[in-house]
């Protein structure tokens, strides 16, 4: 069963299947449940005006506004087992493992203990908290803890004395402490959040119980991301292609030419095309690319950017394009179609992120035969094996987010492209043939959920 806010009334849902009255942070609330069964999964939606009102900005409002909506969703998810008749009958209370995601629902493990287990309900239920980005924590003034409606003896877990920001309330910290298991979105990120540099103030909490922390890399949806049947590659001169050497030499080259035509770049099959897809901010390391303009433009390359973000970085990208019209194109904004086309058409994808909990673009790139050049952090370290000329590498990596280190790794990739094309194609093929789907990730999640189920 999945439980989600109902931001819109979806046609498939029909009429509500149940409802319940909740006490959310001291406020009485009536909610409705809608249920739909699809592909073997019970999809449950929680209907309340607060979700409809924020449909266009789901994280809108103050921290406590978002926390209130998260508290409502968390309690509704706990109660769903009694009020939603999946298959004609409610789930019941046996063998339950609740999975919460990030700080927005990190209250669920706390509420499970405070409102249910301590009152002799759901005694065998367990909770798992998945951390996608530990920098977002639900921090607020300490006095706001009393607005959560919890008994006094549960408030201590929310306390964080941060050397930079002082004492305050931290919802993610409490969720980590109360959860049976905590899963980060890659093994590398699970380690990083335990360090003072990567834990954003919560490293001591993570290190306090290291056995509950693990990491699992996300998978990609092959129904949406596959060069063999990508709907975005079926027009405008683009074409789908197989995950084999023939696909790289034919279909991918056709996509490369189509991208050059669409963006008004010189149509040259022999020039390496580099791509960047992501938010234009410091985290994504875009400044490392911009600060390498002289290095890049002194080489026979083309580079395409897709993203939006900080205005100063957008301005720098625009200026870089104006200075180098025959080599640079910047698409400010986001286009799902263009993301697919850039991924399929480029020879090299740049991901110089300063931190990257998991990352998906490098997975998409490898599956499309586009070689990633990445900063070896988080999920990038776990998924891209640096090619040293002899091993089974799937890309090139660099160890520190510094311009010279980025240029060194990119230089290795370009050297291979120009002077050792067979080796470069081997790197691309190994990436295409990796198991990047959800089957393996789902198996690892199942193992962790079973560990949580039988934990004391």
Protein backbone atom coordinates (compact mmCIF):
# COMPACT_ATOMS: atom_id res chain seq x y z
CA UNK A 1 0.00 0.00 0.00
CA UNK A 2 1.18 3.52 -0.79
CA UNK A 3 -0.40 6.52 0.95
CA UNK A 4 -0.14 9.93 -0.74
CA UNK A 5 -1.75 13.35 -0.48
CA UNK A 6 -4.63 13.87 -2.89
CA UNK A 7 -3.68 17.07 -4.68
CA UNK A 8 -6.26 16.62 -7.45
CA UNK A 9 -9.32 14.45 -7.96
CA UNK A 10 -8.07 11.74 -10.28
CA UNK A 11 -10.70 10.21 -12.54
CA UNK A 12 -9.80 6.63 -11.62
CA UNK A 13 -10.52 7.14 -7.93
CA UNK A 14 -14.30 7.40 -7.97
CA UNK A 15 -15.94 7.92 -4.57
CA UNK A 16 -14.23 7.91 -1.14
CA UNK A 17 -13.88 4.46 0.40
CA UNK A 18 -13.57 5.55 4.01
CA UNK A 19 -12.65 8.30 6.41
CA UNK A 20 -11.47 9.03 9.92
CA UNK A 21 -11.34 11.88 12.44
CA UNK A 22 -7.78 12.78 13.51
CA UNK A 23 -6.25 15.04 16.11
CA UNK A 24 -3.44 16.74 14.17
CA UNK A 25 -1.22 18.89 16.36
CA UNK A 26 -4.18 19.70 18.60
CA UNK A 27 -6.64 20.39 15.77
CA UNK A 28 -9.56 18.09 15.00
CA UNK A 29 -9.49 17.06 11.33
CA UNK A 30 -11.77 14.90 9.20
CA UNK A 31 -10.11 13.23 6.21
CA UNK A 32 -11.34 10.95 3.44
CA UNK A 33 -9.55 8.00 1.84
CA UNK A 34 -9.68 7.19 -1.86
CA UNK A 35 -8.44 3.85 -3.12
CA UNK A 36 -7.32 2.50 -6.48
CA UNK A 37 -5.71 -0.88 -7.20
CA UNK A 38 -3.24 -0.87 -10.09
CA UNK A 39 -0.40 -3.19 -11.14
CA UNK A 40 -0.74 -5.17 -7.93
CA UNK A 41 -0.41 -2.12 -5.67
CA UNK A 42 -3.05 -0.49 -3.49
CA UNK A 43 -2.83 3.26 -4.09
CA UNK A 44 -4.40 5.21 -1.24
CA UNK A 45 -4.94 8.97 -1.39
CA UNK A 46 -5.72 11.21 1.59
CA UNK A 47 -8.21 13.95 0.84
CA UNK A 48 -8.12 17.17 2.85
CA UNK A 49 -8.38 20.84 1.79
CA UNK A 50 -4.80 21.56 2.89
CA UNK A 51 -3.48 19.37 0.08
CA UNK A 52 -5.75 20.79 -2.60
CA UNK A 53 -4.84 24.34 -1.56
CA UNK A 54 -1.12 23.61 -1.98
CA UNK A 55 -1.31 21.50 -5.14
CA UNK A 56 0.74 24.01 -7.14
CA UNK A 57 3.38 24.38 -4.41
CA UNK A 58 3.41 21.26 -2.27
CA UNK A 59 6.20 22.58 -0.02
CA UNK A 60 4.64 26.03 0.27
CA UNK A 61 4.40 27.93 3.54
CA UNK A 62 6.58 27.93 6.64
CA UNK A 63 8.36 24.91 8.08
CA UNK A 64 5.50 24.44 10.52
CA UNK A 65 2.92 24.70 7.72
CA UNK A 66 4.66 21.86 5.90
CA UNK A 67 5.11 19.98 9.19
CA UNK A 68 1.36 20.20 9.87
CA UNK A 69 0.55 18.69 6.48
CA UNK A 70 3.19 16.03 7.07
CA UNK A 71 1.72 15.26 10.49
CA UNK A 72 -1.73 14.86 8.94
CA UNK A 73 -0.39 12.54 6.22
CA UNK A 74 1.63 10.51 8.74
CA UNK A 75 -1.34 9.92 11.03
CA UNK A 76 -3.62 9.17 8.10
CA UNK A 77 -1.11 6.60 6.83
CA UNK A 78 -0.95 4.88 10.21
CA UNK A 79 -4.75 4.77 10.45
CA UNK A 80 -5.27 3.60 6.84
CA UNK A 81 -4.82 -0.04 7.79
CA UNK A 82 -8.14 0.10 9.68
CA UNK A 83 -10.19 2.29 7.37
CA UNK A 84 -9.29 1.42 3.76
CA UNK A 85 -10.88 -1.83 2.53
CA UNK A 86 -8.21 -3.09 0.14
CA UNK A 87 -9.59 -6.18 -1.61
CA UNK A 88 -12.76 -5.81 0.46
CA UNK A 89 -11.01 -5.95 3.83
CA UNK A 90 -8.74 -3.57 5.80
CA UNK A 91 -5.08 -4.56 6.08
CA UNK A 92 -5.25 -5.28 9.78
CA UNK A 93 -2.38 -5.02 12.23
CA UNK A 94 -0.18 -8.02 11.44
CA UNK A 95 3.34 -7.76 10.03
CA UNK A 96 3.29 -4.01 9.43
CA UNK A 97 6.30 -2.00 8.32
CA UNK A 98 5.66 1.70 7.69
CA UNK A 99 8.02 3.49 5.29
CA UNK A 100 8.40 7.28 5.61
CA UNK A 101 10.40 9.56 3.35
CA UNK A 102 12.54 12.54 4.42
CA UNK A 103 11.63 15.05 7.10
CA UNK A 104 8.18 15.72 5.69
CA UNK A 105 6.89 12.40 7.05
CA UNK A 106 9.60 11.80 9.67
CA UNK A 107 6.92 12.34 12.33
CA UNK A 108 5.44 8.94 11.45
CA UNK A 109 7.95 6.86 13.50
CA UNK A 110 7.45 9.25 16.43
CA UNK A 111 3.65 9.16 16.25
CA UNK A 112 3.70 5.39 15.88
CA UNK A 113 5.46 5.11 19.21
CA UNK A 114 3.76 7.96 21.08
CA UNK A 115 0.14 7.52 19.99
CA UNK A 116 -0.10 3.79 19.31
CA UNK A 117 2.55 1.54 20.81
CA UNK A 118 2.48 3.30 24.16
CA UNK A 119 -1.28 2.69 24.20
CA UNK A 120 -0.93 -1.01 23.35
CA UNK A 121 -1.78 -0.70 19.66
CA UNK A 122 0.42 -1.83 16.75
CA UNK A 123 2.93 -3.33 19.14
CA UNK A 124 4.58 -5.36 16.36
CA UNK A 125 4.64 -2.56 13.77
CA UNK A 126 8.01 -1.22 12.65
CA UNK A 127 9.07 1.91 10.78
CA UNK A 128 11.70 2.65 8.14
CA UNK A 129 12.81 6.19 7.29
CA UNK A 130 14.30 6.79 3.83
CA UNK A 131 16.66 9.78 3.65
CA UNK A 132 16.87 11.30 0.18
CA UNK A 133 18.59 14.55 1.17
CA UNK A 134 19.71 15.15 4.74
CA UNK A 135 20.20 18.88 4.18
CA UNK A 136 16.41 19.32 4.42
CA UNK A 137 15.52 18.60 8.03
CA UNK A 138 12.43 20.48 9.15
CA UNK A 139 14.26 22.85 11.45
CA UNK A 140 12.35 25.43 13.46
CA UNK A 141 12.41 27.38 16.72
CA UNK A 142 12.55 25.12 19.75
CA UNK A 143 9.22 26.34 21.12
CA UNK A 144 7.50 24.96 18.01
CA UNK A 145 7.99 21.44 19.34
CA UNK A 146 4.97 21.97 21.60
CA UNK A 147 2.82 22.52 18.52
CA UNK A 148 3.32 18.90 17.44
CA UNK A 149 0.88 17.62 20.06
CA UNK A 150 3.30 15.12 21.60
CA UNK A 151 3.62 14.10 25.26
CA UNK A 152 6.50 15.88 26.99
CA UNK A 153 8.72 12.80 27.23
CA UNK A 154 8.88 12.54 23.42
CA UNK A 155 10.02 16.11 22.76
CA UNK A 156 13.68 15.58 23.68
CA UNK A 157 14.38 13.70 20.47
CA UNK A 158 13.63 16.88 18.51
CA UNK A 159 16.27 18.96 20.28
CA UNK A 160 19.37 19.91 18.30
CA UNK A 161 22.04 22.26 19.60
CA UNK A 162 23.64 23.32 16.33
CA UNK A 163 27.00 25.16 16.57
CA UNK A 164 25.97 27.40 13.64
CA UNK A 165 22.27 28.00 14.29
CA UNK A 166 21.93 27.40 18.02
CA UNK A 167 19.24 25.37 19.76
CA UNK A 168 16.18 24.42 17.80
CA UNK A 169 13.64 21.79 16.88
CA UNK A 170 14.62 19.25 14.23
CA UNK A 171 11.96 16.87 12.89
CA UNK A 172 14.33 14.69 10.84
CA UNK A 173 16.52 14.10 13.90
CA UNK A 174 13.55 12.72 15.85
CA UNK A 175 12.51 10.54 12.91
CA UNK A 176 16.00 9.04 12.68
CA UNK A 177 16.05 8.31 16.41
CA UNK A 178 12.61 6.66 16.45
CA UNK A 179 12.78 4.72 13.17
CA UNK A 180 13.59 1.02 13.32
CA UNK A 181 15.82 1.32 10.24
CA UNK A 182 17.14 4.28 8.25
CA UNK A 183 17.94 3.87 4.55
CA UNK A 184 19.90 6.45 2.57
CA UNK A 185 19.54 6.49 -1.21
CA UNK A 186 23.01 5.05 -1.81
CA UNK A 187 25.67 3.27 0.28
CA UNK A 188 28.06 6.15 -0.33
CA UNK A 189 25.52 8.65 0.93
CA UNK A 190 24.85 6.50 4.01
CA UNK A 191 28.53 6.89 4.87
CA UNK A 192 28.65 10.59 3.99
CA UNK A 193 25.77 11.55 6.30
CA UNK A 194 27.66 9.93 9.19
CA UNK A 195 30.52 12.40 8.72
CA UNK A 196 30.63 15.88 10.19
CA UNK A 197 31.14 17.29 6.69
CA UNK A 198 28.16 15.51 5.16
CA UNK A 199 25.72 15.13 8.03
CA UNK A 200 24.46 18.74 8.14
CA UNK A 201 24.48 18.68 11.93
CA UNK A 202 22.95 15.20 12.26
CA UNK A 203 26.13 13.13 11.98
CA UNK A 204 26.24 12.46 15.77
CA UNK A 205 22.66 11.17 15.59
CA UNK A 206 23.57 8.89 12.68
CA UNK A 207 26.71 7.64 14.40
CA UNK A 208 24.82 7.00 17.64
CA UNK A 209 23.26 3.83 16.14
CA UNK A 210 25.27 2.91 13.02
CA UNK A 211 23.71 -0.55 12.73
CA UNK A 212 20.33 0.90 11.77
CA UNK A 213 21.80 2.89 8.84
CA UNK A 214 22.25 1.47 5.34
CA UNK A 215 22.14 2.67 1.74
CA UNK A 216 20.41 1.44 -1.42
CA UNK A 217 20.88 2.99 -4.86
CA UNK A 218 17.71 3.94 -6.72
CA UNK A 219 16.77 2.24 -9.96
CA UNK A 220 15.46 3.68 -13.21
CA UNK A 221 12.12 3.05 -14.89
CA UNK A 222 12.85 1.28 -18.18
CA UNK A 223 9.32 2.00 -19.37
CA UNK A 224 10.21 5.69 -19.44
CA UNK A 225 13.99 5.67 -19.87
CA UNK A 226 15.14 3.26 -22.56
CA UNK A 227 16.81 4.12 -25.88
CA UNK A 228 15.00 1.19 -27.50
CA UNK A 229 11.48 2.64 -27.17
CA UNK A 230 11.86 6.24 -25.94
CA UNK A 231 8.88 8.17 -27.32
CA UNK A 232 10.93 11.40 -27.37
CA UNK A 233 13.29 9.85 -29.94
CA UNK A 234 10.62 9.05 -32.51
CA UNK A 235 10.41 12.39 -34.36
CA UNK A 236 12.44 15.37 -35.59
CA UNK A 237 15.22 13.17 -36.96
CA UNK A 238 15.92 11.39 -33.67
CA UNK A 239 15.64 7.62 -33.57
CA UNK A 240 15.52 4.85 -31.02
CA UNK A 241 18.43 2.44 -30.82
CA UNK A 242 19.52 -0.77 -29.19
CA UNK A 243 21.81 -1.12 -26.20
CA UNK A 244 24.61 -2.59 -28.29
CA UNK A 245 27.53 -1.50 -30.45
CA UNK A 246 25.36 -1.13 -33.54
CA UNK A 247 23.00 1.12 -31.59
CA UNK A 248 25.91 3.33 -30.54
CA UNK A 249 27.24 3.65 -34.08
CA UNK A 250 23.88 4.21 -35.81
CA UNK A 251 20.96 5.36 -33.67
CA UNK A 252 23.01 7.40 -31.23
CA UNK A 253 24.83 9.13 -34.08
CA UNK A 254 21.48 9.96 -35.70
CA UNK A 255 20.31 11.48 -32.39
CA UNK A 256 23.52 13.48 -32.13
CA UNK A 257 22.99 14.99 -35.59
CA UNK A 258 19.32 15.72 -34.79
CA UNK A 259 20.28 17.53 -31.58
CA UNK A 260 22.86 19.63 -33.40
CA UNK A 261 20.26 20.59 -36.01
CA UNK A 262 17.57 21.34 -33.43
CA UNK A 263 19.87 23.61 -31.41
CA UNK A 264 21.55 25.23 -34.38
CA UNK A 265 25.00 23.81 -33.73
CA UNK A 266 27.29 22.77 -36.59
CA UNK A 267 26.38 19.24 -37.61
CA UNK A 268 29.61 17.32 -37.07
CA UNK A 269 29.58 13.66 -36.13
CA UNK A 270 33.27 13.60 -35.19
CA UNK A 271 33.05 16.28 -32.48
CA UNK A 272 32.34 15.08 -28.91
CA UNK A 273 29.12 16.58 -27.55
CA UNK A 274 29.03 17.16 -23.79
CA UNK A 275 25.82 17.57 -21.82
CA UNK A 276 24.74 18.97 -18.46
CA UNK A 277 21.22 18.45 -17.10
CA UNK A 278 20.29 19.76 -13.67
CA UNK A 279 19.56 22.65 -11.36
CA UNK A 280 21.78 25.66 -11.86
CA UNK A 281 23.18 25.95 -8.36
CA UNK A 282 26.34 25.38 -6.36
CA UNK A 283 25.39 21.85 -5.33
CA UNK A 284 25.36 20.64 -8.92
CA UNK A 285 28.86 22.01 -9.52
CA UNK A 286 27.92 24.09 -12.55
CA UNK A 287 30.51 26.70 -11.54
CA UNK A 288 33.26 24.13 -12.13
CA UNK A 289 32.15 23.92 -15.76
CA UNK A 290 31.76 27.69 -16.14
CA UNK A 291 35.18 28.29 -14.61
CA UNK A 292 36.58 25.85 -17.20
CA UNK A 293 35.34 27.88 -20.17
CA UNK A 294 38.82 28.64 -21.49
CA UNK A 295 39.83 24.98 -21.14
CA UNK A 296 36.66 23.78 -22.89
CA UNK A 297 36.61 26.32 -25.69
CA UNK A 298 40.25 25.64 -26.58
CA UNK A 299 39.20 22.12 -27.55
CA UNK A 300 37.12 20.84 -30.44
CA UNK A 301 33.94 20.11 -28.50
CA UNK A 302 30.30 21.16 -28.28
CA UNK A 303 28.43 21.48 -24.99
CA UNK A 304 24.70 21.66 -24.23
CA UNK A 305 23.12 22.76 -20.95
CA UNK A 306 19.57 22.15 -19.70
CA UNK A 307 18.35 23.57 -16.41
CA UNK A 308 17.25 26.58 -14.39
CA UNK A 309 18.16 28.02 -11.03
CA UNK A 310 20.27 30.87 -9.70
CA UNK A 311 20.02 33.96 -11.83
CA UNK A 312 23.76 34.69 -11.68
CA UNK A 313 24.56 31.22 -13.04
CA UNK A 314 21.89 31.58 -15.74
CA UNK A 315 23.49 34.88 -16.74
CA UNK A 316 26.95 33.30 -16.88
CA UNK A 317 25.62 30.48 -19.04
CA UNK A 318 23.98 32.94 -21.41
CA UNK A 319 27.21 34.94 -21.67
CA UNK A 320 29.20 31.77 -22.33
CA UNK A 321 26.81 30.87 -25.15
CA UNK A 322 27.01 34.36 -26.66
CA UNK A 323 30.79 34.20 -26.71
CA UNK A 324 30.83 30.72 -28.27
CA UNK A 325 27.82 30.40 -30.57
CA UNK A 326 29.39 27.59 -32.60
CA UNK A 327 30.07 25.45 -29.51
CA UNK A 328 27.62 26.20 -26.67
CA UNK A 329 23.86 26.05 -26.24
CA UNK A 330 21.99 26.73 -22.98
CA UNK A 331 18.32 25.77 -22.63
CA UNK A 332 17.15 27.70 -19.57
CA UNK A 333 14.15 25.97 -18.02
CA UNK A 334 13.19 22.35 -18.05
CA UNK A 335 11.88 20.14 -20.83
CA UNK A 336 11.36 16.43 -20.30
CA UNK A 337 11.62 15.90 -24.03
CA UNK A 338 14.91 17.77 -24.23
CA UNK A 339 16.28 15.89 -21.21
CA UNK A 340 15.68 12.61 -23.04
CA UNK A 341 17.14 13.93 -26.27
CA UNK A 342 20.28 15.33 -24.67
CA UNK A 343 20.81 12.09 -22.77
CA UNK A 344 20.48 10.06 -25.98
CA UNK A 345 22.55 12.39 -28.17
CA UNK A 346 25.55 13.38 -26.08
CA UNK A 347 28.79 11.44 -25.94
CA UNK A 348 29.63 12.58 -22.39
CA UNK A 349 27.41 13.71 -19.49
CA UNK A 350 28.91 16.06 -16.90
CA UNK A 351 27.89 15.68 -13.23
CA UNK A 352 30.39 17.62 -11.10
CA UNK A 353 28.01 17.76 -8.12
CA UNK A 354 29.48 18.80 -4.79
CA UNK A 355 27.16 16.28 -3.16
CA UNK A 356 24.70 13.89 -4.75
CA UNK A 357 22.73 11.53 -2.48
CA UNK A 358 21.97 9.15 -5.34
CA UNK A 359 21.68 10.82 -8.71
CA UNK A 360 19.61 9.53 -11.60
CA UNK A 361 21.05 11.34 -14.60
CA UNK A 362 24.23 9.27 -14.54
CA UNK A 363 22.07 6.10 -14.55
CA UNK A 364 20.02 7.36 -17.49
CA UNK A 365 23.21 8.35 -19.30
CA UNK A 366 24.87 4.95 -18.90
CA UNK A 367 21.76 3.14 -20.10
CA UNK A 368 21.78 5.34 -23.23
CA UNK A 369 25.49 4.78 -23.89
CA UNK A 370 26.45 8.29 -22.76
CA UNK A 371 29.61 8.21 -20.69
CA UNK A 372 29.42 10.05 -17.33
CA UNK A 373 32.17 12.25 -15.91
CA UNK A 374 31.30 12.72 -12.25
CA UNK A 375 32.55 13.95 -8.90
CA UNK A 376 32.99 10.80 -6.81
CA UNK A 377 30.46 11.53 -4.06
CA UNK A 378 27.34 9.77 -2.78
CA UNK A 379 25.53 7.71 -5.37
CA UNK A 380 27.90 8.89 -8.12
CA UNK A 381 30.74 7.08 -6.41
CA UNK A 382 28.60 3.95 -6.05
CA UNK A 383 27.38 3.80 -9.64
CA UNK A 384 30.24 5.08 -11.84
CA UNK A 385 33.47 3.06 -11.86
CA UNK A 386 36.46 5.14 -12.95
CA UNK A 387 38.08 3.80 -16.10
CA UNK A 388 41.87 3.56 -15.81
CA UNK A 389 42.60 2.13 -19.25
CA UNK A 390 42.58 -1.49 -18.12
CA UNK A 391 39.63 -2.14 -15.81
CA UNK A 392 35.89 -2.53 -16.43
CA UNK A 393 35.18 1.15 -15.84
CA UNK A 394 31.89 2.80 -16.83
CA UNK A 395 33.00 6.45 -16.78
CA UNK A 396 35.51 8.88 -15.32
CA UNK A 397 35.53 10.31 -11.80
CA UNK A 398 37.41 12.95 -9.82
CA UNK A 399 37.87 13.08 -6.06
CA UNK A 400 37.57 16.77 -5.13
CA UNK A 401 35.21 19.47 -6.41
CA UNK A 402 38.00 21.60 -7.84
CA UNK A 403 38.38 22.96 -11.35
CA UNK A 404 41.71 21.26 -12.08
CA UNK A 405 40.40 17.88 -10.87
CA UNK A 406 37.29 18.23 -13.03
CA UNK A 407 39.39 19.16 -16.05
CA UNK A 408 41.68 16.18 -15.47
CA UNK A 409 38.78 13.69 -15.47
CA UNK A 410 37.15 15.30 -18.50
CA UNK A 411 40.51 15.33 -20.24
CA UNK A 412 40.79 11.58 -19.73
CA UNK A 413 37.39 11.08 -21.33
CA UNK A 414 38.15 13.35 -24.29
CA UNK A 415 41.54 11.73 -24.86
CA UNK A 416 39.86 8.33 -25.01
CA UNK A 417 37.18 9.65 -27.37
CA UNK A 418 39.71 11.14 -29.78
CA UNK A 419 42.63 8.71 -29.62
CA UNK A 420 41.22 5.45 -28.30
CA UNK A 421 37.70 5.30 -29.65
CA UNK A 422 37.41 1.54 -29.18
CA UNK A 423 38.18 1.93 -25.49
CA UNK A 424 35.68 4.79 -25.21
CA UNK A 425 32.99 2.69 -26.87
CA UNK A 426 33.81 -0.14 -24.48
CA UNK A 427 33.19 2.17 -21.52
CA UNK A 428 29.85 3.20 -23.06
CA UNK A 429 28.80 -0.39 -23.74
CA UNK A 430 29.62 -1.51 -20.21
CA UNK A 431 27.40 1.26 -18.89
CA UNK A 432 24.57 0.21 -21.22
CA UNK A 433 24.78 -3.38 -20.02
CA UNK A 434 24.70 -2.64 -16.28
CA UNK A 435 21.65 -3.69 -14.28
CA UNK A 436 20.28 -0.24 -13.49
CA UNK A 437 16.59 -1.10 -13.06
CA UNK A 438 14.46 -1.36 -9.96
CA UNK A 439 14.44 -5.17 -9.64
CA UNK A 440 17.72 -5.38 -7.74
CA UNK A 441 16.98 -2.26 -5.69
CA UNK A 442 13.54 -3.65 -4.81
CA UNK A 443 15.15 -6.90 -3.64
CA UNK A 444 17.53 -4.95 -1.36
CA UNK A 445 14.63 -2.89 0.02
CA UNK A 446 12.70 -6.10 0.70
CA UNK A 447 15.66 -7.46 2.66
CA UNK A 448 15.85 -4.29 4.77
CA UNK A 449 12.10 -4.30 5.40
CA UNK A 450 12.36 -7.87 6.62
CA UNK A 451 15.23 -6.86 8.91
CA UNK A 452 13.04 -4.08 10.29
CA UNK A 453 10.09 -6.43 10.73
CA UNK A 454 12.04 -8.80 12.95
CA UNK A 455 14.04 -6.14 14.81
CA UNK A 456 13.50 -5.75 18.53
